[in-house]
């Protein structure tokens, strides 16, 4: 309920309806932030290589390049799947959440919270922690 109220308030400020602000925030803003956080570990290992390149660091760059590639591919798939205009993206997202709620035997609201709050925060935290762990 809090997230919905926040989006409604944000929509009023930005002069967007609920569908538009939901697509903007839940798909595109969260998606871009997750994409950049997925690139952080690669940046961390790259910065660690500034003082010298060893074979361990080379392996790290390759591993985290693969890790970052997953986020890039995921973002591209998300952009393709939830294409604009916003009402189409909103309808597709709701349809996907309903389908997942049936498959996971959970409510639509719970699936929404698990993906857009818990899952998103978890992935962001993992990426930021990896970044700081990899810093020299």
Foldseek 3Di string as FASTA:
>chain_A
DVVQVVLCVVCVVVVHHSLQSCCCVQQPVLLVLLLVLLCLLLVLLVQVCPVHDDVVSVVSNVVSVVSSVVSVVVSVVSCVQQDDDSVSSSVSVLVVLVVVCVVVVHDSVVSCCCVRPVVSVVSSVVSVVSNVVSHD
